[in-house]
Amino acid sequence: MLKTRNIVFAVLTSLCISSSFAAAPKPAPGFVSLKQAQQIQAGQSKDEVIQMFGKPVATPKWSNGTSSLVYKTEDTAAFKALLYVDFDTKTGSVISSVIRPDDNSGMGSDSSE
């Protein structure tokens, strides 16, 4: 599943880069731009990501020992999308990030609270 999410991220990133030659407006408050999402680096801590993007809309924990911070992204032309920043639970460091279509409209609350 992680490989599929990385492939989707790569495809979406390349599409966004090719269409970003026109000046894009800043994202609305509470949203992460695709350009901002590209600034995430492996090894960053959760605190660093939260400092960059603010409070996530969800914080799921996965059965494979990872957890994620989930952010809303700017709307693309075709769909709404969510940014998943995945962390190794043991180290607390970013291991990957991916943008996926928002097919779960109920993901509006922080699952850690």
N, C-alpha and C. Protein backbone atom coordinates (compact mmCIF):
# COMPACT_ATOMS: atom_id res chain seq x y z
N MET A 1 0.83 -1.19 0.00
CA MET A 1 0.00 0.00 0.00
C MET A 1 0.87 1.26 0.00
N LEU A 2 1.98 1.22 0.74
CA LEU A 2 2.88 2.36 0.80
C LEU A 2 3.45 2.65 -0.58
N LYS A 3 3.80 1.58 -1.35
CA LYS A 3 4.34 1.75 -2.69
C LYS A 3 3.30 2.41 -3.59
N THR A 4 2.05 1.99 -3.49
CA THR A 4 0.98 2.57 -4.30
C THR A 4 0.81 4.05 -3.96
N ARG A 5 0.85 4.38 -2.67
CA ARG A 5 0.70 5.79 -2.27
C ARG A 5 1.86 6.61 -2.80
N ASN A 6 3.07 6.06 -2.81
CA ASN A 6 4.22 6.80 -3.33
C ASN A 6 4.10 7.02 -4.83
N ILE A 7 3.58 6.04 -5.54
CA ILE A 7 3.38 6.18 -6.98
C ILE A 7 2.35 7.26 -7.26
N VAL A 8 1.25 7.26 -6.52
CA VAL A 8 0.21 8.29 -6.69
C VAL A 8 0.81 9.66 -6.41
N PHE A 9 1.62 9.78 -5.36
CA PHE A 9 2.25 11.06 -5.03
C PHE A 9 3.14 11.52 -6.18
N ALA A 10 3.93 10.61 -6.74
CA ALA A 10 4.84 10.97 -7.83
C ALA A 10 4.06 11.46 -9.05
N VAL A 11 2.98 10.78 -9.39
CA VAL A 11 2.16 11.17 -10.54
C VAL A 11 1.52 12.53 -10.31
N LEU A 12 0.93 12.71 -9.14
CA LEU A 12 0.29 13.99 -8.84
C LEU A 12 1.30 15.12 -8.80
N THR A 13 2.46 14.86 -8.22
CA THR A 13 3.50 15.88 -8.15
C THR A 13 3.93 16.30 -9.54
N SER A 14 4.15 15.34 -10.45
CA SER A 14 4.58 15.69 -11.79
C SER A 14 3.50 16.46 -12.54
N LEU A 15 2.24 16.10 -12.34
CA LEU A 15 1.15 16.85 -12.97
C LEU A 15 1.09 18.27 -12.44
N CYS A 16 1.28 18.41 -11.14
CA CYS A 16 1.21 19.74 -10.53
C CYS A 16 2.38 20.61 -10.95
N ILE A 17 3.57 20.02 -11.06
CA ILE A 17 4.73 20.78 -11.48
C ILE A 17 4.54 21.29 -12.90
N SER A 18 4.00 20.45 -13.77
CA SER A 18 3.82 20.86 -15.16
C SER A 18 2.77 21.95 -15.29
N SER A 19 1.84 22.02 -14.36
CA SER A 19 0.81 23.05 -14.45
C SER A 19 1.10 24.24 -13.56
N SER A 20 2.26 24.27 -12.90
CA SER A 20 2.54 25.33 -11.93
C SER A 20 3.31 26.50 -12.53
N PHE A 21 3.47 26.54 -13.84
CA PHE A 21 4.21 27.64 -14.43
C PHE A 21 3.43 28.94 -14.32
N ALA A 22 2.12 28.88 -14.26
CA ALA A 22 1.32 30.07 -13.99
C ALA A 22 1.37 30.32 -12.49
N ALA A 23 1.36 31.57 -12.10
CA ALA A 23 1.43 31.90 -10.67
C ALA A 23 0.20 31.35 -9.96
N ALA A 24 0.44 30.50 -8.99
CA ALA A 24 -0.66 29.90 -8.24
C ALA A 24 -0.95 30.74 -7.00
N PRO A 25 -2.24 30.94 -6.68
CA PRO A 25 -2.57 31.68 -5.46
C PRO A 25 -2.18 30.86 -4.24
N LYS A 26 -1.99 31.55 -3.12
CA LYS A 26 -1.69 30.86 -1.87
C LYS A 26 -2.90 30.04 -1.45
N PRO A 27 -2.65 28.89 -0.79
CA PRO A 27 -3.79 28.08 -0.35
C PRO A 27 -4.56 28.79 0.76
N ALA A 28 -5.82 28.44 0.89
CA ALA A 28 -6.65 28.99 1.95
C ALA A 28 -6.10 28.54 3.30
N PRO A 29 -6.35 29.30 4.37
CA PRO A 29 -5.90 28.87 5.69
C PRO A 29 -6.42 27.46 6.00
N GLY A 30 -5.57 26.64 6.59
CA GLY A 30 -5.95 25.27 6.90
C GLY A 30 -5.70 24.29 5.78
N PHE A 31 -5.18 24.78 4.66
CA PHE A 31 -4.86 23.94 3.52
C PHE A 31 -3.36 23.98 3.25
N VAL A 32 -2.84 22.90 2.69
CA VAL A 32 -1.43 22.81 2.32
C VAL A 32 -1.36 22.85 0.80
N SER A 33 -0.46 23.69 0.28
CA SER A 33 -0.29 23.73 -1.18
C SER A 33 0.57 22.55 -1.62
N LEU A 34 0.47 22.22 -2.89
CA LEU A 34 1.28 21.13 -3.42
C LEU A 34 2.77 21.49 -3.35
N LYS A 35 3.08 22.77 -3.53
CA LYS A 35 4.47 23.22 -3.42
C LYS A 35 4.96 23.04 -1.98
N GLN A 36 4.13 23.36 -1.00
CA GLN A 36 4.51 23.16 0.39
C GLN A 36 4.73 21.67 0.68
N ALA A 37 3.88 20.82 0.13
CA ALA A 37 3.98 19.39 0.38
C ALA A 37 5.32 18.85 -0.12
N GLN A 38 5.88 19.44 -1.15
CA GLN A 38 7.15 18.99 -1.69
C GLN A 38 8.32 19.32 -0.77
N GLN A 39 8.11 20.17 0.23
CA GLN A 39 9.18 20.56 1.15
C GLN A 39 9.40 19.53 2.26
N ILE A 40 8.52 18.55 2.38
CA ILE A 40 8.66 17.54 3.42
C ILE A 40 9.87 16.67 3.10
N GLN A 41 10.67 16.41 4.13
CA GLN A 41 11.87 15.60 3.94
C GLN A 41 11.87 14.43 4.91
N ALA A 42 12.36 13.28 4.42
CA ALA A 42 12.51 12.12 5.30
C ALA A 42 13.40 12.51 6.48
N GLY A 43 13.01 12.03 7.66
CA GLY A 43 13.78 12.32 8.86
C GLY A 43 13.24 13.48 9.68
N GLN A 44 12.35 14.31 9.11
CA GLN A 44 11.77 15.40 9.89
C GLN A 44 10.90 14.82 11.00
N SER A 45 10.78 15.57 12.09
CA SER A 45 9.94 15.12 13.20
C SER A 45 8.50 15.58 13.02
N LYS A 46 7.60 14.98 13.81
CA LYS A 46 6.19 15.41 13.77
C LYS A 46 6.09 16.88 14.14
N ASP A 47 6.85 17.29 15.14
CA ASP A 47 6.80 18.69 15.57
C ASP A 47 7.21 19.64 14.44
N GLU A 48 8.22 19.24 13.65
CA GLU A 48 8.64 20.08 12.52
C GLU A 48 7.54 20.20 11.47
N VAL A 49 6.87 19.09 11.19
CA VAL A 49 5.80 19.10 10.19
C VAL A 49 4.63 19.94 10.71
N ILE A 50 4.27 19.77 11.96
CA ILE A 50 3.17 20.55 12.53
C ILE A 50 3.52 22.03 12.54
N GLN A 51 4.78 22.36 12.80
CA GLN A 51 5.21 23.76 12.78
C GLN A 51 5.08 24.33 11.37
N MET A 52 5.36 23.52 10.34
CA MET A 52 5.26 23.99 8.95
C MET A 52 3.82 24.16 8.51
N PHE A 53 2.94 23.21 8.86
CA PHE A 53 1.59 23.17 8.29
C PHE A 53 0.46 23.42 9.28
N GLY A 54 0.75 23.40 10.56
CA GLY A 54 -0.30 23.59 11.55
C GLY A 54 -0.93 22.26 11.95
N LYS A 55 -2.06 22.35 12.62
CA LYS A 55 -2.74 21.17 13.14
C LYS A 55 -3.33 20.33 12.00
N PRO A 56 -3.07 19.02 12.01
CA PRO A 56 -3.63 18.16 10.96
C PRO A 56 -5.12 17.92 11.18
N VAL A 57 -5.81 17.48 10.12
CA VAL A 57 -7.24 17.16 10.25
C VAL A 57 -7.45 15.78 10.85
N ALA A 58 -6.42 14.93 10.79
CA ALA A 58 -6.51 13.59 11.38
C ALA A 58 -5.10 13.09 11.69
N THR A 59 -5.03 12.14 12.63
CA THR A 59 -3.74 11.56 13.01
C THR A 59 -3.90 10.04 13.19
N PRO A 60 -4.15 9.32 12.10
CA PRO A 60 -4.35 7.87 12.21
C PRO A 60 -3.08 7.13 12.58
N LYS A 61 -3.27 6.02 13.27
CA LYS A 61 -2.20 5.08 13.57
C LYS A 61 -2.50 3.80 12.79
N TRP A 62 -1.49 3.21 12.14
CA TRP A 62 -1.68 2.08 11.26
C TRP A 62 -1.16 0.79 11.90
N SER A 63 -1.69 -0.33 11.46
CA SER A 63 -1.33 -1.63 12.02
C SER A 63 0.12 -2.03 11.73
N ASN A 64 0.76 -1.37 10.78
CA ASN A 64 2.14 -1.71 10.45
C ASN A 64 3.17 -0.97 11.31
N GLY A 65 2.69 -0.27 12.33
CA GLY A 65 3.59 0.44 13.23
C GLY A 65 3.91 1.86 12.82
N THR A 66 3.19 2.38 11.85
CA THR A 66 3.40 3.77 11.45
C THR A 66 2.19 4.61 11.86
N SER A 67 2.35 5.90 11.79
CA SER A 67 1.25 6.82 12.03
C SER A 67 1.35 7.92 10.98
N SER A 68 0.31 8.71 10.84
CA SER A 68 0.29 9.77 9.83
C SER A 68 -0.28 11.05 10.40
N LEU A 69 0.13 12.14 9.82
CA LEU A 69 -0.54 13.42 9.98
C LEU A 69 -1.23 13.66 8.65
N VAL A 70 -2.50 14.01 8.68
CA VAL A 70 -3.27 14.18 7.44
C VAL A 70 -3.70 15.64 7.34
N TYR A 71 -3.43 16.22 6.16
CA TYR A 71 -3.77 17.61 5.89
C TYR A 71 -4.61 17.71 4.62
N LYS A 72 -5.50 18.69 4.58
CA LYS A 72 -6.24 18.99 3.36
C LYS A 72 -5.30 19.74 2.43
N THR A 73 -5.43 19.47 1.14
CA THR A 73 -4.63 20.19 0.15
C THR A 73 -5.53 21.11 -0.64
N GLU A 74 -4.89 21.97 -1.41
CA GLU A 74 -5.67 22.81 -2.32
C GLU A 74 -6.47 21.90 -3.23
N ASP A 75 -7.60 22.35 -3.66
CA ASP A 75 -8.36 21.57 -4.63
C ASP A 75 -7.60 21.55 -5.95
N THR A 76 -7.54 20.38 -6.55
CA THR A 76 -7.02 20.29 -7.91
C THR A 76 -8.20 20.46 -8.85
N ALA A 77 -7.94 20.48 -10.11
CA ALA A 77 -9.03 20.68 -11.06
C ALA A 77 -10.05 19.55 -11.02
N ALA A 78 -9.59 18.33 -10.72
CA ALA A 78 -10.47 17.17 -10.83
C ALA A 78 -11.02 16.66 -9.50
N PHE A 79 -10.32 16.88 -8.39
CA PHE A 79 -10.75 16.28 -7.13
C PHE A 79 -10.14 17.00 -5.94
N LYS A 80 -10.72 16.75 -4.78
CA LYS A 80 -10.12 17.21 -3.53
C LYS A 80 -9.13 16.15 -3.08
N ALA A 81 -8.07 16.58 -2.42
CA ALA A 81 -7.03 15.63 -2.05
C ALA A 81 -6.57 15.86 -0.62
N LEU A 82 -5.97 14.82 -0.04
CA LEU A 82 -5.40 14.87 1.30
C LEU A 82 -3.92 14.53 1.23
N LEU A 83 -3.13 15.22 2.03
CA LEU A 83 -1.71 14.93 2.17
C LEU A 83 -1.53 14.05 3.39
N TYR A 84 -0.93 12.88 3.21
CA TYR A 84 -0.58 11.98 4.30
C TYR A 84 0.92 12.07 4.53
N VAL A 85 1.34 12.47 5.72
CA VAL A 85 2.74 12.46 6.09
C VAL A 85 2.92 11.31 7.06
N ASP A 86 3.68 10.29 6.64
CA ASP A 86 3.80 9.05 7.40
C ASP A 86 5.06 9.05 8.26
N PHE A 87 4.92 8.53 9.48
CA PHE A 87 6.01 8.53 10.46
C PHE A 87 6.27 7.12 10.96
N ASP A 88 7.53 6.84 11.21
CA ASP A 88 7.92 5.62 11.93
C ASP A 88 7.62 5.88 13.40
N THR A 89 6.79 5.04 14.01
CA THR A 89 6.38 5.27 15.39
C THR A 89 7.56 5.18 16.35
N LYS A 90 8.52 4.32 16.06
CA LYS A 90 9.67 4.15 16.96
C LYS A 90 10.58 5.36 16.95
N THR A 91 10.87 5.91 15.77
CA THR A 91 11.80 7.04 15.69
C THR A 91 11.09 8.39 15.70
N GLY A 92 9.80 8.39 15.34
CA GLY A 92 9.06 9.64 15.26
C GLY A 92 9.43 10.49 14.06
N SER A 93 10.10 9.89 13.07
CA SER A 93 10.58 10.63 11.90
C SER A 93 9.75 10.33 10.66
N VAL A 94 9.69 11.31 9.75
CA VAL A 94 9.00 11.15 8.47
C VAL A 94 9.66 10.02 7.69
N ILE A 95 8.82 9.10 7.18
CA ILE A 95 9.34 8.06 6.30
C ILE A 95 8.81 8.23 4.87
N SER A 96 7.67 8.89 4.71
CA SER A 96 7.13 9.14 3.37
C SER A 96 6.01 10.16 3.46
N SER A 97 5.63 10.67 2.29
CA SER A 97 4.45 11.53 2.20
C SER A 97 3.80 11.26 0.86
N VAL A 98 2.47 11.38 0.85
CA VAL A 98 1.72 11.08 -0.37
C VAL A 98 0.44 11.90 -0.39
N ILE A 99 0.02 12.28 -1.59
CA ILE A 99 -1.25 12.97 -1.76
C ILE A 99 -2.23 12.00 -2.39
N ARG A 100 -3.38 11.84 -1.74
CA ARG A 100 -4.41 10.91 -2.22
C ARG A 100 -5.73 11.66 -2.41
N PRO A 101 -6.57 11.19 -3.33
CA PRO A 101 -7.90 11.77 -3.46
C PRO A 101 -8.65 11.64 -2.13
N ASP A 102 -9.41 12.65 -1.78
CA ASP A 102 -10.21 12.63 -0.55
C ASP A 102 -11.51 11.89 -0.82
N ASP A 103 -11.48 10.57 -0.68
CA ASP A 103 -12.67 9.77 -0.89
C ASP A 103 -13.40 9.46 0.41
N ASN A 104 -12.98 10.10 1.50
CA ASN A 104 -13.61 9.89 2.80
C ASN A 104 -13.98 11.25 3.37
N SER A 105 -15.15 11.74 3.03
CA SER A 105 -15.54 13.08 3.45
C SER A 105 -15.72 13.22 4.95
N GLY A 106 -15.73 12.10 5.68
CA GLY A 106 -15.87 12.17 7.14
C GLY A 106 -14.58 12.43 7.87
N MET A 107 -13.48 12.62 7.16
CA MET A 107 -12.17 12.80 7.80
C MET A 107 -11.97 14.26 8.14
N GLY A 108 -12.80 14.81 9.01
CA GLY A 108 -12.66 16.20 9.35
C GLY A 108 -12.28 16.43 10.78
N SER A 109 -12.06 15.41 11.55
CA SER A 109 -11.72 15.61 12.96
C SER A 109 -10.43 14.89 13.28
N ASP A 110 -9.77 15.35 14.32
CA ASP A 110 -8.51 14.78 14.76
C ASP A 110 -8.78 13.48 15.50
N SER A 111 -8.30 12.36 14.97
CA SER A 111 -8.60 11.06 15.56
C SER A 111 -7.79 10.79 16.82
N SER A 112 -6.84 11.68 17.16
CA SER A 112 -6.03 11.44 18.36
C SER A 112 -6.70 12.00 19.60
N GLU A 113 -7.75 12.75 19.42
CA GLU A 113 -8.41 13.35 20.58
C GLU A 113 -9.70 12.62 20.93
